[in-house]
N, C-alpha and C. Protein backbone atom coordinates (compact mmCIF):
# COMPACT_ATOMS: atom_id res chain seq x y z
N UNK A 1 -41.26 43.52 62.25
CA UNK A 1 -40.12 42.62 62.39
C UNK A 1 -39.89 42.26 63.85
N UNK A 2 -39.86 43.26 64.74
CA UNK A 2 -39.60 42.99 66.14
C UNK A 2 -40.69 42.12 66.75
N UNK A 3 -41.94 42.38 66.39
CA UNK A 3 -43.03 41.59 66.95
C UNK A 3 -43.00 40.17 66.43
N UNK A 4 -42.57 39.98 65.20
CA UNK A 4 -42.47 38.62 64.66
C UNK A 4 -41.37 37.84 65.38
N UNK A 5 -40.25 38.49 65.64
CA UNK A 5 -39.16 37.84 66.38
C UNK A 5 -39.65 37.49 67.79
N UNK A 6 -40.36 38.41 68.42
CA UNK A 6 -40.89 38.16 69.75
C UNK A 6 -41.85 36.98 69.72
N UNK A 7 -42.70 36.94 68.73
CA UNK A 7 -43.65 35.82 68.60
C UNK A 7 -42.90 34.49 68.46
N UNK A 8 -41.84 34.46 67.67
CA UNK A 8 -41.05 33.24 67.51
C UNK A 8 -40.41 32.83 68.85
N UNK A 9 -39.92 33.82 69.60
CA UNK A 9 -39.30 33.52 70.89
C UNK A 9 -40.35 33.00 71.88
N UNK A 10 -41.53 33.60 71.86
CA UNK A 10 -42.60 33.14 72.74
C UNK A 10 -43.01 31.71 72.39
N UNK A 11 -43.07 31.41 71.12
CA UNK A 11 -43.43 30.05 70.71
C UNK A 11 -42.36 29.06 71.15
N UNK A 12 -41.08 29.42 71.02
CA UNK A 12 -39.99 28.55 71.47
C UNK A 12 -40.07 28.33 72.98
N UNK A 13 -40.37 29.39 73.73
CA UNK A 13 -40.50 29.26 75.18
C UNK A 13 -41.68 28.35 75.52
N UNK A 14 -42.80 28.54 74.84
CA UNK A 14 -43.96 27.71 75.13
C UNK A 14 -43.63 26.23 74.88
N UNK A 15 -42.96 25.95 73.78
CA UNK A 15 -42.55 24.58 73.47
C UNK A 15 -41.64 24.03 74.56
N UNK A 16 -40.68 24.83 74.99
CA UNK A 16 -39.74 24.39 76.04
C UNK A 16 -40.49 24.13 77.35
N UNK A 17 -41.42 25.00 77.71
CA UNK A 17 -42.17 24.83 78.95
C UNK A 17 -42.99 23.53 78.93
N UNK A 18 -43.46 23.15 77.77
CA UNK A 18 -44.23 21.91 77.65
C UNK A 18 -43.36 20.68 77.82
N UNK A 19 -42.04 20.82 77.63
CA UNK A 19 -41.13 19.69 77.70
C UNK A 19 -40.42 19.55 79.05
N UNK A 20 -40.55 20.54 79.91
CA UNK A 20 -39.90 20.49 81.22
C UNK A 20 -40.53 19.37 82.03
N UNK A 21 -39.68 18.50 82.59
CA UNK A 21 -40.19 17.32 83.30
C UNK A 21 -39.96 17.38 84.80
N UNK A 22 -38.77 17.75 85.23
CA UNK A 22 -38.44 17.69 86.66
C UNK A 22 -38.81 19.00 87.34
N UNK A 23 -39.90 18.96 88.08
CA UNK A 23 -40.40 20.15 88.74
C UNK A 23 -40.89 19.82 90.14
N UNK A 24 -40.66 20.74 91.08
CA UNK A 24 -41.36 20.61 92.34
C UNK A 24 -42.72 21.30 92.15
N UNK A 25 -43.58 21.20 93.13
CA UNK A 25 -44.94 21.72 92.98
C UNK A 25 -44.96 23.23 92.70
N UNK A 26 -44.10 23.98 93.39
CA UNK A 26 -44.05 25.42 93.21
C UNK A 26 -43.60 25.78 91.79
N UNK A 27 -42.55 25.11 91.30
CA UNK A 27 -42.05 25.36 89.94
C UNK A 27 -43.11 24.98 88.91
N UNK A 28 -43.78 23.86 89.13
CA UNK A 28 -44.80 23.41 88.18
C UNK A 28 -45.92 24.46 88.07
N UNK A 29 -46.38 24.93 89.20
CA UNK A 29 -47.45 25.94 89.20
C UNK A 29 -46.98 27.23 88.51
N UNK A 30 -45.77 27.66 88.82
CA UNK A 30 -45.23 28.88 88.24
C UNK A 30 -45.07 28.76 86.72
N UNK A 31 -44.48 27.66 86.25
CA UNK A 31 -44.25 27.47 84.83
C UNK A 31 -45.56 27.23 84.06
N UNK A 32 -46.52 26.56 84.68
CA UNK A 32 -47.81 26.38 84.02
C UNK A 32 -48.53 27.73 83.87
N UNK A 33 -48.43 28.57 84.89
CA UNK A 33 -49.02 29.91 84.80
C UNK A 33 -48.34 30.73 83.72
N UNK A 34 -47.03 30.63 83.64
CA UNK A 34 -46.29 31.35 82.61
C UNK A 34 -46.66 30.84 81.22
N UNK A 35 -46.79 29.53 81.09
CA UNK A 35 -47.18 28.95 79.80
C UNK A 35 -48.55 29.46 79.38
N UNK A 36 -49.48 29.58 80.32
CA UNK A 36 -50.81 30.13 80.01
C UNK A 36 -50.70 31.58 79.56
N UNK A 37 -49.87 32.35 80.25
CA UNK A 37 -49.68 33.76 79.88
C UNK A 37 -49.11 33.88 78.47
N UNK A 38 -48.12 33.04 78.16
CA UNK A 38 -47.51 33.06 76.82
C UNK A 38 -48.56 32.71 75.78
N UNK A 39 -49.37 31.69 76.04
CA UNK A 39 -50.41 31.30 75.10
C UNK A 39 -51.41 32.43 74.87
N UNK A 40 -51.78 33.14 75.94
CA UNK A 40 -52.71 34.26 75.81
C UNK A 40 -52.14 35.33 74.89
N UNK A 41 -50.86 35.62 75.05
CA UNK A 41 -50.23 36.63 74.20
C UNK A 41 -50.16 36.13 72.76
N UNK A 42 -49.79 34.87 72.58
CA UNK A 42 -49.66 34.32 71.23
C UNK A 42 -51.00 34.26 70.50
N UNK A 43 -52.07 34.02 71.22
CA UNK A 43 -53.37 33.87 70.58
C UNK A 43 -54.28 35.08 70.79
N UNK A 44 -53.71 36.15 71.30
CA UNK A 44 -54.49 37.36 71.56
C UNK A 44 -54.66 38.21 70.33
N UNK A 45 -55.07 39.43 70.58
CA UNK A 45 -55.31 40.39 69.51
C UNK A 45 -54.02 40.74 68.80
N UNK A 46 -54.15 41.36 67.64
CA UNK A 46 -52.97 41.76 66.86
C UNK A 46 -52.10 42.75 67.63
N UNK A 47 -52.72 43.68 68.36
CA UNK A 47 -51.96 44.65 69.14
C UNK A 47 -51.97 44.22 70.60
N UNK A 48 -50.90 43.56 71.03
CA UNK A 48 -50.84 42.98 72.37
C UNK A 48 -49.97 43.77 73.33
N UNK A 49 -49.63 45.00 73.03
CA UNK A 49 -48.71 45.75 73.88
C UNK A 49 -49.15 45.79 75.34
N UNK A 50 -50.45 45.85 75.59
CA UNK A 50 -50.92 45.90 76.98
C UNK A 50 -50.63 44.61 77.72
N UNK A 51 -50.37 43.51 77.01
CA UNK A 51 -50.07 42.23 77.65
C UNK A 51 -48.57 42.03 77.88
N UNK A 52 -47.75 42.75 77.15
CA UNK A 52 -46.31 42.52 77.21
C UNK A 52 -45.70 42.95 78.54
N UNK A 53 -46.15 44.05 79.10
CA UNK A 53 -45.59 44.52 80.38
C UNK A 53 -45.76 43.51 81.49
N UNK A 54 -47.00 43.04 81.74
CA UNK A 54 -47.20 42.02 82.78
C UNK A 54 -46.45 40.72 82.48
N UNK A 55 -46.37 40.35 81.21
CA UNK A 55 -45.62 39.15 80.84
C UNK A 55 -44.14 39.31 81.16
N UNK A 56 -43.60 40.49 80.87
CA UNK A 56 -42.20 40.76 81.17
C UNK A 56 -41.94 40.63 82.67
N UNK A 57 -42.83 41.18 83.48
CA UNK A 57 -42.68 41.06 84.94
C UNK A 57 -42.74 39.60 85.37
N UNK A 58 -43.66 38.86 84.81
CA UNK A 58 -43.81 37.44 85.16
C UNK A 58 -42.57 36.66 84.75
N UNK A 59 -42.00 36.97 83.59
CA UNK A 59 -40.78 36.30 83.13
C UNK A 59 -39.63 36.56 84.11
N UNK A 60 -39.46 37.81 84.53
CA UNK A 60 -38.37 38.13 85.47
C UNK A 60 -38.52 37.35 86.77
N UNK A 61 -39.74 37.29 87.27
CA UNK A 61 -40.00 36.56 88.51
C UNK A 61 -39.69 35.07 88.34
N UNK A 62 -40.09 34.51 87.23
CA UNK A 62 -39.87 33.09 86.99
C UNK A 62 -38.39 32.78 86.80
N UNK A 63 -37.67 33.64 86.08
CA UNK A 63 -36.22 33.45 85.90
C UNK A 63 -35.54 33.35 87.26
N UNK A 64 -35.90 34.23 88.17
CA UNK A 64 -35.27 34.22 89.49
C UNK A 64 -35.54 32.92 90.23
N UNK A 65 -36.68 32.30 89.99
CA UNK A 65 -37.05 31.09 90.71
C UNK A 65 -36.49 29.79 90.11
N UNK A 66 -36.36 29.74 88.78
CA UNK A 66 -35.99 28.46 88.14
C UNK A 66 -34.66 28.51 87.41
N UNK A 67 -33.89 29.54 87.64
CA UNK A 67 -32.63 29.74 86.92
C UNK A 67 -31.70 28.54 86.98
N UNK A 68 -31.50 27.99 88.14
CA UNK A 68 -30.54 26.89 88.30
C UNK A 68 -31.10 25.56 87.79
N UNK A 69 -32.38 25.34 87.97
CA UNK A 69 -32.93 24.03 87.64
C UNK A 69 -33.35 23.87 86.18
N UNK A 70 -33.57 24.98 85.47
CA UNK A 70 -34.05 24.91 84.08
C UNK A 70 -33.34 25.95 83.22
N UNK A 71 -32.06 25.73 82.94
CA UNK A 71 -31.26 26.74 82.23
C UNK A 71 -31.75 27.05 80.82
N UNK A 72 -32.25 26.08 80.09
CA UNK A 72 -32.72 26.34 78.71
C UNK A 72 -33.95 27.25 78.73
N UNK A 73 -34.91 26.94 79.57
CA UNK A 73 -36.10 27.78 79.68
C UNK A 73 -35.72 29.18 80.15
N UNK A 74 -34.78 29.25 81.09
CA UNK A 74 -34.32 30.54 81.59
C UNK A 74 -33.68 31.37 80.49
N UNK A 75 -32.87 30.73 79.65
CA UNK A 75 -32.23 31.44 78.54
C UNK A 75 -33.29 32.02 77.61
N UNK A 76 -34.31 31.24 77.28
CA UNK A 76 -35.37 31.72 76.41
C UNK A 76 -36.14 32.88 77.05
N UNK A 77 -36.39 32.78 78.35
CA UNK A 77 -37.08 33.87 79.05
C UNK A 77 -36.26 35.14 79.00
N UNK A 78 -34.95 35.03 79.20
CA UNK A 78 -34.10 36.22 79.15
C UNK A 78 -34.09 36.85 77.76
N UNK A 79 -34.11 36.02 76.71
CA UNK A 79 -34.15 36.56 75.35
C UNK A 79 -35.44 37.35 75.14
N UNK A 80 -36.54 36.84 75.66
CA UNK A 80 -37.81 37.55 75.52
C UNK A 80 -37.80 38.84 76.31
N UNK A 81 -37.26 38.80 77.52
CA UNK A 81 -37.15 40.02 78.33
C UNK A 81 -36.33 41.06 77.58
N UNK A 82 -35.21 40.64 76.98
CA UNK A 82 -34.37 41.57 76.22
C UNK A 82 -35.12 42.13 75.02
N UNK A 83 -35.87 41.28 74.31
CA UNK A 83 -36.62 41.73 73.14
C UNK A 83 -37.71 42.73 73.55
N UNK A 84 -38.39 42.47 74.66
CA UNK A 84 -39.39 43.41 75.14
C UNK A 84 -38.76 44.74 75.50
N UNK A 85 -37.60 44.70 76.15
CA UNK A 85 -36.89 45.93 76.50
C UNK A 85 -36.47 46.69 75.24
N UNK A 86 -36.01 45.97 74.23
CA UNK A 86 -35.63 46.58 72.97
C UNK A 86 -36.82 47.28 72.33
N UNK A 87 -38.01 46.70 72.51
CA UNK A 87 -39.22 47.27 71.95
C UNK A 87 -39.78 48.41 72.83
N UNK A 88 -39.10 48.68 73.94
CA UNK A 88 -39.53 49.76 74.81
C UNK A 88 -40.63 49.37 75.78
N UNK A 89 -40.74 48.06 76.06
CA UNK A 89 -41.80 47.58 76.95
C UNK A 89 -41.19 47.10 78.24
């Protein structure tokens, strides 16, 4: 159940990242890297726990950088961070 909810949240974040339009070069690079990381987790092996820790760190870093300019994406990132923490990751 928890992994399915996380997968849904990751898919929502990936969709949101694809729709973000106003970016400076640094934000674009950061969000594109995050989108790649999310895709890797979504399309990876069934047991992806080894990928969740680095993804959680990357999400925290990105939230700090784009919090003011992209509130919807930031909200989704925080939900994923919370879900990972709930799962003990």
